[in-house]
């Protein structure tokens, strides 16, 4: 059965696999990209997924030294947050038999470029906001409860809301 564009049978099968083999609960995502040292958008990466692959490009806006030829990295971050939250919300609703007629999501952030450029000691990102516009027969209190549950379960919301161990390294480029 498909509800809210969520394949509930596939989801149920995944849950059963995870219950029978807890090692299946963990996965690693990977992105490998290239910074262009000449011309074109500054960064590109090919993202592979089960149905194929897509190349994404990012470019800083001109005021930050880029050409403004592609969305900036923070726009992709907001896109990832909005799409992950929408997926979590829609999946939770579908799992409870709640049909959504429409789900619109907007995400925005406040950036302190003084901190980015080392001119200010404040936070680089000062705040992130997400707004859901939902059409459904479910009562408003049920939708608010789904929102709270999505906030707890959404991986992207977790990344934005909690400190996460970050490891970086620099290595000699492979030639």
N, C-alpha and C. Protein backbone atom coordinates (compact mmCIF):
# COMPACT_ATOMS: atom_id res chain seq x y z
N UNK A 1 0.85 -1.18 0.00
CA UNK A 1 0.00 0.00 0.00
C UNK A 1 0.89 1.24 0.00
N UNK A 2 0.48 2.21 -0.79
CA UNK A 2 1.20 3.48 -0.85
C UNK A 2 0.27 4.57 -0.32
N UNK A 3 0.77 5.32 0.66
CA UNK A 3 0.03 6.43 1.23
C UNK A 3 1.02 7.58 1.41
N UNK A 4 0.66 8.76 0.96
CA UNK A 4 1.52 9.95 1.04
C UNK A 4 2.83 9.74 0.27
N UNK A 5 2.76 8.92 -0.80
CA UNK A 5 3.94 8.60 -1.61
C UNK A 5 4.96 7.82 -0.78
N UNK A 6 4.50 7.09 0.21
CA UNK A 6 5.34 6.24 1.05
C UNK A 6 4.90 4.80 0.84
N UNK A 7 5.83 3.94 0.45
CA UNK A 7 5.54 2.53 0.24
C UNK A 7 5.57 1.84 1.61
N UNK A 8 4.40 1.66 2.19
CA UNK A 8 4.30 1.11 3.54
C UNK A 8 4.74 -0.35 3.61
N UNK A 9 4.52 -1.12 2.55
CA UNK A 9 4.95 -2.52 2.55
C UNK A 9 6.48 -2.60 2.58
N UNK A 10 7.15 -1.77 1.78
CA UNK A 10 8.62 -1.76 1.79
C UNK A 10 9.13 -1.29 3.14
N UNK A 11 8.49 -0.28 3.70
CA UNK A 11 8.89 0.23 5.02
C UNK A 11 8.73 -0.86 6.07
N UNK A 12 7.63 -1.58 6.04
CA UNK A 12 7.41 -2.67 7.00
C UNK A 12 8.46 -3.75 6.84
N UNK A 13 8.81 -4.08 5.60
CA UNK A 13 9.84 -5.07 5.35
C UNK A 13 11.19 -4.63 5.92
N UNK A 14 11.51 -3.35 5.76
CA UNK A 14 12.76 -2.81 6.32
C UNK A 14 12.77 -2.92 7.84
N UNK A 15 11.65 -2.57 8.46
CA UNK A 15 11.56 -2.65 9.92
C UNK A 15 11.74 -4.09 10.40
N UNK A 16 11.14 -5.03 9.69
CA UNK A 16 11.29 -6.44 10.07
C UNK A 16 12.74 -6.91 9.91
N UNK A 17 13.41 -6.49 8.83
CA UNK A 17 14.82 -6.84 8.63
C UNK A 17 15.68 -6.28 9.76
N UNK A 18 15.41 -5.05 10.16
CA UNK A 18 16.19 -4.42 11.23
C UNK A 18 15.95 -5.11 12.57
N UNK A 19 14.73 -5.52 12.80
CA UNK A 19 14.44 -6.22 14.06
C UNK A 19 15.15 -7.57 14.10
N UNK A 20 15.21 -8.26 12.95
CA UNK A 20 15.84 -9.58 12.93
C UNK A 20 17.36 -9.51 12.84
N UNK A 21 17.89 -8.40 12.31
CA UNK A 21 19.35 -8.23 12.19
C UNK A 21 19.70 -6.78 12.53
N UNK A 22 19.96 -6.50 13.81
CA UNK A 22 20.23 -5.12 14.25
C UNK A 22 21.38 -4.44 13.51
N UNK A 23 22.29 -5.19 12.90
CA UNK A 23 23.38 -4.58 12.13
C UNK A 23 22.84 -3.77 10.95
N UNK A 24 21.64 -4.10 10.48
CA UNK A 24 21.03 -3.38 9.36
C UNK A 24 20.50 -2.00 9.76
N UNK A 25 20.53 -1.69 11.06
CA UNK A 25 20.05 -0.39 11.52
C UNK A 25 21.02 0.74 11.20
N UNK A 26 22.26 0.40 10.89
CA UNK A 26 23.28 1.43 10.68
C UNK A 26 23.77 1.40 9.24
N UNK A 27 23.93 2.59 8.69
CA UNK A 27 24.45 2.74 7.33
C UNK A 27 25.35 3.96 7.29
N UNK A 28 26.22 4.00 6.32
CA UNK A 28 27.11 5.14 6.13
C UNK A 28 26.77 5.80 4.80
N UNK A 29 26.58 7.11 4.82
CA UNK A 29 26.39 7.88 3.59
C UNK A 29 27.72 8.49 3.21
N UNK A 30 27.95 8.66 1.92
CA UNK A 30 29.22 9.21 1.47
C UNK A 30 28.98 10.14 0.27
N UNK A 31 29.70 11.25 0.27
CA UNK A 31 29.74 12.16 -0.86
C UNK A 31 31.21 12.43 -1.13
N UNK A 32 31.60 12.33 -2.38
CA UNK A 32 32.98 12.64 -2.77
C UNK A 32 32.89 13.62 -3.93
N UNK A 33 33.45 14.80 -3.74
CA UNK A 33 33.35 15.84 -4.75
C UNK A 33 34.69 16.45 -5.09
N UNK A 34 34.66 17.38 -6.03
CA UNK A 34 35.86 18.03 -6.53
C UNK A 34 35.65 19.54 -6.53
N UNK A 35 36.64 20.26 -6.00
CA UNK A 35 36.67 21.72 -6.07
C UNK A 35 37.34 22.09 -7.38
N UNK A 36 36.65 22.85 -8.20
CA UNK A 36 37.23 23.29 -9.47
C UNK A 36 38.16 24.47 -9.21
N UNK A 37 39.38 24.35 -9.64
CA UNK A 37 40.34 25.43 -9.44
C UNK A 37 40.26 26.46 -10.56
N UNK A 38 39.54 26.14 -11.65
CA UNK A 38 39.35 27.08 -12.75
C UNK A 38 37.96 26.91 -13.34
N UNK A 39 37.24 28.01 -13.53
CA UNK A 39 35.99 28.05 -14.28
C UNK A 39 34.87 27.19 -13.74
N UNK A 40 33.67 27.61 -14.06
CA UNK A 40 32.47 26.86 -13.69
C UNK A 40 32.14 26.96 -12.22
N UNK A 41 31.02 26.36 -11.82
CA UNK A 41 30.72 26.32 -10.39
C UNK A 41 31.89 25.70 -9.62
N UNK A 42 32.10 26.16 -8.42
CA UNK A 42 33.29 25.82 -7.67
C UNK A 42 33.39 24.36 -7.23
N UNK A 43 32.28 23.71 -6.95
CA UNK A 43 32.31 22.36 -6.39
C UNK A 43 31.30 21.50 -7.13
N UNK A 44 31.66 20.24 -7.35
CA UNK A 44 30.69 19.31 -7.94
C UNK A 44 30.90 17.93 -7.33
N UNK A 45 29.84 17.18 -7.32
CA UNK A 45 29.88 15.80 -6.82
C UNK A 45 28.80 15.01 -7.53
N UNK A 46 29.11 13.76 -7.81
CA UNK A 46 28.11 12.85 -8.37
C UNK A 46 27.58 12.04 -7.20
N UNK A 47 26.28 12.11 -7.01
CA UNK A 47 25.62 11.36 -5.94
C UNK A 47 24.94 10.14 -6.55
N UNK A 48 25.38 8.99 -6.11
CA UNK A 48 24.78 7.74 -6.57
C UNK A 48 23.65 7.36 -5.62
N UNK A 49 22.60 6.81 -6.17
CA UNK A 49 21.47 6.34 -5.38
C UNK A 49 20.90 5.11 -6.06
N UNK A 50 19.98 4.45 -5.43
CA UNK A 50 19.49 3.17 -5.94
C UNK A 50 19.00 3.26 -7.38
N UNK A 51 18.40 4.38 -7.77
CA UNK A 51 17.84 4.52 -9.12
C UNK A 51 18.79 5.11 -10.14
N UNK A 52 20.03 5.44 -9.75
CA UNK A 52 20.97 6.03 -10.70
C UNK A 52 21.95 6.96 -10.01
N UNK A 53 22.20 8.09 -10.66
CA UNK A 53 23.10 9.08 -10.08
C UNK A 53 22.75 10.45 -10.64
N UNK A 54 23.18 11.47 -9.93
CA UNK A 54 22.95 12.84 -10.35
C UNK A 54 24.17 13.66 -9.97
N UNK A 55 24.54 14.59 -10.82
CA UNK A 55 25.65 15.49 -10.49
C UNK A 55 25.08 16.78 -9.92
N UNK A 56 25.60 17.17 -8.78
CA UNK A 56 25.21 18.43 -8.16
C UNK A 56 26.40 19.38 -8.19
N UNK A 57 26.11 20.66 -8.38
CA UNK A 57 27.15 21.67 -8.37
C UNK A 57 26.79 22.74 -7.36
N UNK A 58 27.81 23.29 -6.74
CA UNK A 58 27.62 24.38 -5.78
C UNK A 58 28.62 25.49 -6.10
N UNK A 59 28.22 26.71 -5.82
CA UNK A 59 29.06 27.86 -6.07
C UNK A 59 28.74 28.91 -5.01
N UNK A 60 29.76 29.52 -4.51
CA UNK A 60 29.54 30.60 -3.55
C UNK A 60 28.93 31.80 -4.28
N UNK A 61 28.17 32.63 -3.59
CA UNK A 61 27.68 33.85 -4.22
C UNK A 61 28.86 34.79 -4.51
N UNK A 62 28.70 35.72 -5.45
CA UNK A 62 29.81 36.61 -5.80
C UNK A 62 30.42 37.37 -4.61
N UNK A 63 29.60 37.81 -3.66
CA UNK A 63 30.15 38.55 -2.53
C UNK A 63 31.07 37.69 -1.67
N UNK A 64 30.97 36.34 -1.81
CA UNK A 64 31.82 35.44 -1.04
C UNK A 64 32.93 34.83 -1.90
N UNK A 65 33.14 35.39 -3.09
CA UNK A 65 34.24 34.95 -3.93
C UNK A 65 33.88 33.96 -5.01
N UNK A 66 32.64 33.57 -5.10
CA UNK A 66 32.21 32.63 -6.15
C UNK A 66 31.62 33.37 -7.32
N UNK A 67 31.07 32.61 -8.24
CA UNK A 67 30.46 33.20 -9.42
C UNK A 67 28.95 33.24 -9.36
N UNK A 68 28.35 32.64 -8.31
CA UNK A 68 26.89 32.60 -8.23
C UNK A 68 26.26 31.79 -9.34
N UNK A 69 26.98 30.79 -9.87
CA UNK A 69 26.50 30.00 -11.01
C UNK A 69 25.69 28.78 -10.61
N UNK A 70 25.60 28.51 -9.33
CA UNK A 70 24.86 27.35 -8.83
C UNK A 70 24.43 27.67 -7.40
N UNK A 71 23.51 26.89 -6.84
CA UNK A 71 23.14 27.13 -5.44
C UNK A 71 24.37 27.03 -4.53
N UNK A 72 24.33 27.77 -3.44
CA UNK A 72 25.41 27.72 -2.47
C UNK A 72 25.26 26.52 -1.55
N UNK A 73 26.33 26.15 -0.87
CA UNK A 73 26.30 24.98 0.01
C UNK A 73 25.22 25.05 1.09
N UNK A 74 24.97 26.22 1.65
CA UNK A 74 23.96 26.31 2.71
C UNK A 74 22.56 26.09 2.14
N UNK A 75 22.35 26.47 0.88
CA UNK A 75 21.05 26.18 0.25
C UNK A 75 20.84 24.67 0.15
N UNK A 76 21.89 23.94 -0.18
CA UNK A 76 21.78 22.48 -0.22
C UNK A 76 21.52 21.92 1.17
N UNK A 77 22.15 22.52 2.17
CA UNK A 77 21.93 22.09 3.55
C UNK A 77 20.46 22.28 3.92
N UNK A 78 19.90 23.44 3.59
CA UNK A 78 18.49 23.71 3.89
C UNK A 78 17.58 22.78 3.08
N UNK A 79 17.94 22.53 1.83
CA UNK A 79 17.17 21.59 1.01
C UNK A 79 17.17 20.21 1.66
N UNK A 80 18.36 19.76 2.10
CA UNK A 80 18.46 18.45 2.74
C UNK A 80 17.60 18.41 4.00
N UNK A 81 17.67 19.47 4.79
CA UNK A 81 16.87 19.54 6.02
C UNK A 81 15.39 19.50 5.70
N UNK A 82 14.95 20.34 4.76
CA UNK A 82 13.52 20.41 4.42
C UNK A 82 13.02 19.09 3.86
N UNK A 83 13.80 18.48 2.95
CA UNK A 83 13.34 17.23 2.34
C UNK A 83 13.35 16.08 3.33
N UNK A 84 14.34 16.04 4.22
CA UNK A 84 14.41 14.98 5.23
C UNK A 84 13.25 15.12 6.22
N UNK A 85 12.98 16.35 6.64
CA UNK A 85 11.88 16.57 7.59
C UNK A 85 10.55 16.22 6.94
N UNK A 86 10.37 16.62 5.68
CA UNK A 86 9.13 16.30 4.96
C UNK A 86 8.96 14.78 4.85
N UNK A 87 10.05 14.08 4.51
CA UNK A 87 9.99 12.62 4.38
C UNK A 87 9.63 11.98 5.72
N UNK A 88 10.25 12.47 6.79
CA UNK A 88 9.97 11.91 8.12
C UNK A 88 8.52 12.15 8.50
N UNK A 89 8.04 13.38 8.31
CA UNK A 89 6.66 13.74 8.64
C UNK A 89 5.67 12.91 7.82
N UNK A 90 5.88 12.84 6.50
CA UNK A 90 4.96 12.10 5.63
C UNK A 90 4.96 10.60 5.96
N UNK A 91 6.13 10.07 6.27
CA UNK A 91 6.22 8.65 6.61
C UNK A 91 5.52 8.35 7.93
N UNK A 92 5.72 9.21 8.92
CA UNK A 92 5.03 9.02 10.20
C UNK A 92 3.51 9.10 10.01
N UNK A 93 3.07 10.09 9.21
CA UNK A 93 1.63 10.22 8.95
C UNK A 93 1.10 8.96 8.26
N UNK A 94 1.81 8.50 7.22
CA UNK A 94 1.38 7.31 6.49
C UNK A 94 1.33 6.09 7.41
N UNK A 95 2.33 5.97 8.27
CA UNK A 95 2.39 4.83 9.20
C UNK A 95 1.20 4.81 10.14
N UNK A 96 0.63 5.97 10.39
CA UNK A 96 -0.55 6.05 11.26
C UNK A 96 -1.85 6.13 10.47
N UNK A 97 -1.77 5.94 9.15
CA UNK A 97 -2.97 5.97 8.31
C UNK A 97 -3.51 7.36 8.06
N UNK A 98 -2.70 8.39 8.28
CA UNK A 98 -3.14 9.77 8.05
C UNK A 98 -2.77 10.18 6.63
N UNK A 99 -3.78 10.49 5.83
CA UNK A 99 -3.55 10.91 4.44
C UNK A 99 -3.26 12.41 4.41
N UNK A 100 -2.24 12.76 3.67
CA UNK A 100 -1.91 14.17 3.44
C UNK A 100 -2.40 14.56 2.06
N UNK A 101 -3.12 15.66 1.99
CA UNK A 101 -3.55 16.16 0.69
C UNK A 101 -2.45 17.03 0.09
N UNK A 102 -1.73 17.73 0.95
CA UNK A 102 -0.62 18.57 0.52
C UNK A 102 0.33 18.78 1.69
N UNK A 103 1.62 18.83 1.38
CA UNK A 103 2.64 19.12 2.38
C UNK A 103 3.66 20.04 1.73
N UNK A 104 3.77 21.25 2.24
CA UNK A 104 4.75 22.22 1.77
C UNK A 104 5.69 22.52 2.93
N UNK A 105 6.97 22.64 2.61
CA UNK A 105 7.97 22.89 3.64
C UNK A 105 8.85 24.05 3.20
N UNK A 106 9.10 24.97 4.12
CA UNK A 106 10.08 26.03 3.86
C UNK A 106 11.09 26.02 4.99
N UNK A 107 12.35 26.21 4.62
CA UNK A 107 13.43 26.26 5.60
C UNK A 107 14.27 27.49 5.31
N UNK A 108 14.71 28.15 6.36
CA UNK A 108 15.58 29.32 6.20
C UNK A 108 16.56 29.38 7.35
N UNK A 109 17.68 30.04 7.08
CA UNK A 109 18.70 30.18 8.12
C UNK A 109 19.23 31.60 8.10
N UNK A 110 19.74 32.01 9.25
CA UNK A 110 20.38 33.31 9.39
C UNK A 110 21.88 33.06 9.51
N UNK A 111 22.63 33.61 8.56
CA UNK A 111 24.08 33.41 8.52
C UNK A 111 24.80 34.70 8.92
N UNK A 112 25.87 34.55 9.65
CA UNK A 112 26.71 35.66 10.05
C UNK A 112 28.00 35.57 9.25
N UNK A 113 28.07 36.29 8.13
CA UNK A 113 29.25 36.22 7.28
C UNK A 113 30.45 36.92 7.91
N UNK A 114 30.22 37.76 8.91
CA UNK A 114 31.35 38.29 9.66
C UNK A 114 32.12 37.17 10.32
N UNK A 115 31.40 36.20 10.87
CA UNK A 115 32.05 35.04 11.49
C UNK A 115 32.69 34.15 10.43
N UNK A 116 32.03 33.99 9.28
CA UNK A 116 32.58 33.19 8.20
C UNK A 116 33.93 33.75 7.76
N UNK A 117 34.02 35.08 7.65
CA UNK A 117 35.24 35.73 7.16
C UNK A 117 36.22 36.10 8.26
N UNK A 118 35.94 35.67 9.50
CA UNK A 118 36.86 35.93 10.60
C UNK A 118 36.83 37.36 11.12
N UNK A 119 35.75 38.09 10.84
CA UNK A 119 35.63 39.48 11.29
C UNK A 119 34.79 39.62 12.54
N UNK A 120 34.17 38.54 12.98
CA UNK A 120 33.27 38.55 14.12
C UNK A 120 33.42 37.23 14.86
N UNK A 121 33.22 37.26 16.16
CA UNK A 121 33.35 36.04 16.97
C UNK A 121 32.02 35.32 17.17
N UNK A 122 30.95 35.83 16.60
CA UNK A 122 29.64 35.23 16.80
C UNK A 122 29.49 33.89 16.09
N UNK A 123 28.32 33.32 16.21
CA UNK A 123 28.01 32.05 15.56
C UNK A 123 27.95 32.24 14.05
N UNK A 124 28.42 31.28 13.30
CA UNK A 124 28.35 31.31 11.85
C UNK A 124 26.89 31.21 11.39
N UNK A 125 26.16 30.27 11.96
CA UNK A 125 24.72 30.13 11.70
C UNK A 125 24.01 30.51 12.98
N UNK A 126 23.19 31.55 12.90
CA UNK A 126 22.55 32.08 14.11
C UNK A 126 21.18 31.47 14.38
N UNK A 127 20.60 30.83 13.39
CA UNK A 127 19.30 30.22 13.59
C UNK A 127 18.80 29.55 12.33
N UNK A 128 17.95 28.55 12.51
CA UNK A 128 17.32 27.83 11.41
C UNK A 128 15.85 27.70 11.75
N UNK A 129 15.02 27.95 10.76
CA UNK A 129 13.56 27.84 10.94
C UNK A 129 12.98 26.93 9.87
N UNK A 130 12.00 26.16 10.25
CA UNK A 130 11.30 25.27 9.33
C UNK A 130 9.80 25.47 9.53
N UNK A 131 9.08 25.56 8.42
CA UNK A 131 7.63 25.74 8.49
C UNK A 131 6.97 24.68 7.62
N UNK A 132 5.99 23.98 8.17
CA UNK A 132 5.20 23.01 7.43
C UNK A 132 3.82 23.59 7.17
N UNK A 133 3.35 23.47 5.96
CA UNK A 133 1.97 23.79 5.62
C UNK A 133 1.33 22.49 5.19
N UNK A 134 0.33 22.06 5.95
CA UNK A 134 -0.24 20.73 5.77
C UNK A 134 -1.73 20.82 5.50
N UNK A 135 -2.17 20.11 4.47
CA UNK A 135 -3.61 19.91 4.23
C UNK A 135 -3.89 18.44 4.49
N UNK A 136 -4.81 18.20 5.43
CA UNK A 136 -5.15 16.83 5.81
C UNK A 136 -6.46 16.85 6.56
N UNK A 137 -7.11 15.69 6.61
CA UNK A 137 -8.33 15.57 7.41
C UNK A 137 -8.00 15.35 8.89
N UNK A 138 -6.73 15.15 9.20
CA UNK A 138 -6.34 14.93 10.60
C UNK A 138 -6.54 16.21 11.40
N UNK A 139 -6.91 16.09 12.66
CA UNK A 139 -7.09 17.29 13.49
C UNK A 139 -5.75 17.99 13.73
N UNK A 140 -5.77 19.31 13.91
CA UNK A 140 -4.53 20.08 14.11
C UNK A 140 -3.65 19.54 15.23
N UNK A 141 -4.24 19.08 16.33
CA UNK A 141 -3.43 18.56 17.43
C UNK A 141 -2.67 17.29 17.03
N UNK A 142 -3.26 16.48 16.15
CA UNK A 142 -2.58 15.27 15.67
C UNK A 142 -1.41 15.65 14.76
N UNK A 143 -1.61 16.68 13.93
CA UNK A 143 -0.53 17.15 13.06
C UNK A 143 0.61 17.75 13.88
N UNK A 144 0.29 18.46 14.95
CA UNK A 144 1.34 19.01 15.84
C UNK A 144 2.11 17.87 16.52
N UNK A 145 1.40 16.82 16.90
CA UNK A 145 2.09 15.66 17.51
C UNK A 145 3.01 14.99 16.48
N UNK A 146 2.57 14.88 15.24
CA UNK A 146 3.43 14.33 14.18
C UNK A 146 4.66 15.22 13.97
N UNK A 147 4.46 16.52 14.02
CA UNK A 147 5.59 17.46 13.88
C UNK A 147 6.62 17.23 14.98
N UNK A 148 6.16 17.09 16.21
CA UNK A 148 7.08 16.85 17.33
C UNK A 148 7.80 15.51 17.18
N UNK A 149 7.08 14.49 16.73
CA UNK A 149 7.71 13.18 16.52
C UNK A 149 8.73 13.26 15.38
N UNK A 150 8.39 13.97 14.31
CA UNK A 150 9.32 14.14 13.19
C UNK A 150 10.57 14.90 13.66
N UNK A 151 10.38 15.86 14.52
CA UNK A 151 11.53 16.62 15.05
C UNK A 151 12.48 15.71 15.82
N UNK A 152 11.94 14.72 16.53
CA UNK A 152 12.76 13.77 17.28
C UNK A 152 13.44 12.74 16.38
N UNK A 153 12.77 12.35 15.29
CA UNK A 153 13.25 11.24 14.48
C UNK A 153 14.00 11.64 13.21
N UNK A 154 13.85 12.84 12.74
CA UNK A 154 14.46 13.28 11.47
C UNK A 154 15.98 13.38 11.61
N UNK A 155 16.74 12.63 10.80
CA UNK A 155 18.20 12.71 10.90
C UNK A 155 18.75 14.11 10.66
N UNK A 156 18.20 14.84 9.69
CA UNK A 156 18.70 16.19 9.41
C UNK A 156 18.37 17.13 10.57
N UNK A 157 17.21 17.00 11.18
CA UNK A 157 16.88 17.83 12.35
C UNK A 157 17.84 17.51 13.49
N UNK A 158 18.19 16.24 13.64
CA UNK A 158 19.15 15.86 14.67
C UNK A 158 20.50 16.53 14.41
N UNK A 159 20.94 16.51 13.16
CA UNK A 159 22.23 17.12 12.81
C UNK A 159 22.25 18.62 13.13
N UNK A 160 21.14 19.28 12.88
CA UNK A 160 21.07 20.72 13.13
C UNK A 160 20.96 21.03 14.62
N UNK A 161 20.35 20.14 15.38
CA UNK A 161 20.03 20.42 16.78
C UNK A 161 21.03 19.89 17.80
N UNK A 162 21.95 19.02 17.39
CA UNK A 162 22.84 18.35 18.35
C UNK A 162 24.29 18.40 17.89
N UNK A 163 25.19 18.55 18.84
CA UNK A 163 26.61 18.44 18.47
C UNK A 163 26.89 17.02 17.99
N UNK A 164 27.63 16.92 16.90
CA UNK A 164 27.99 15.63 16.33
C UNK A 164 29.51 15.61 16.18
N UNK A 165 30.09 14.49 16.52
CA UNK A 165 31.53 14.34 16.39
C UNK A 165 31.93 14.60 14.93
N UNK A 166 32.84 15.54 14.72
CA UNK A 166 33.32 15.88 13.39
C UNK A 166 34.81 15.58 13.31
N UNK A 167 35.18 14.82 12.31
CA UNK A 167 36.59 14.52 12.07
C UNK A 167 36.95 15.08 10.70
N UNK A 168 38.06 15.80 10.62
CA UNK A 168 38.55 16.28 9.33
C UNK A 168 40.00 15.90 9.19
N UNK A 169 40.47 15.81 7.97
CA UNK A 169 41.88 15.55 7.73
C UNK A 169 42.24 16.11 6.38
N UNK A 170 43.49 16.38 6.16
CA UNK A 170 43.99 16.78 4.86
C UNK A 170 45.04 15.74 4.46
N UNK A 171 45.01 15.35 3.18
CA UNK A 171 45.94 14.33 2.70
C UNK A 171 46.44 14.75 1.33
N UNK A 172 47.55 14.19 0.95
CA UNK A 172 48.10 14.43 -0.39
C UNK A 172 47.13 13.89 -1.42
N UNK A 173 46.84 14.68 -2.47
CA UNK A 173 45.91 14.26 -3.50
C UNK A 173 46.46 13.06 -4.27
N UNK A 174 45.56 12.15 -4.62
CA UNK A 174 45.92 11.01 -5.47
C UNK A 174 46.12 11.51 -6.89
N UNK A 175 47.13 11.04 -7.55
CA UNK A 175 47.36 11.46 -8.95
C UNK A 175 47.40 10.28 -9.86
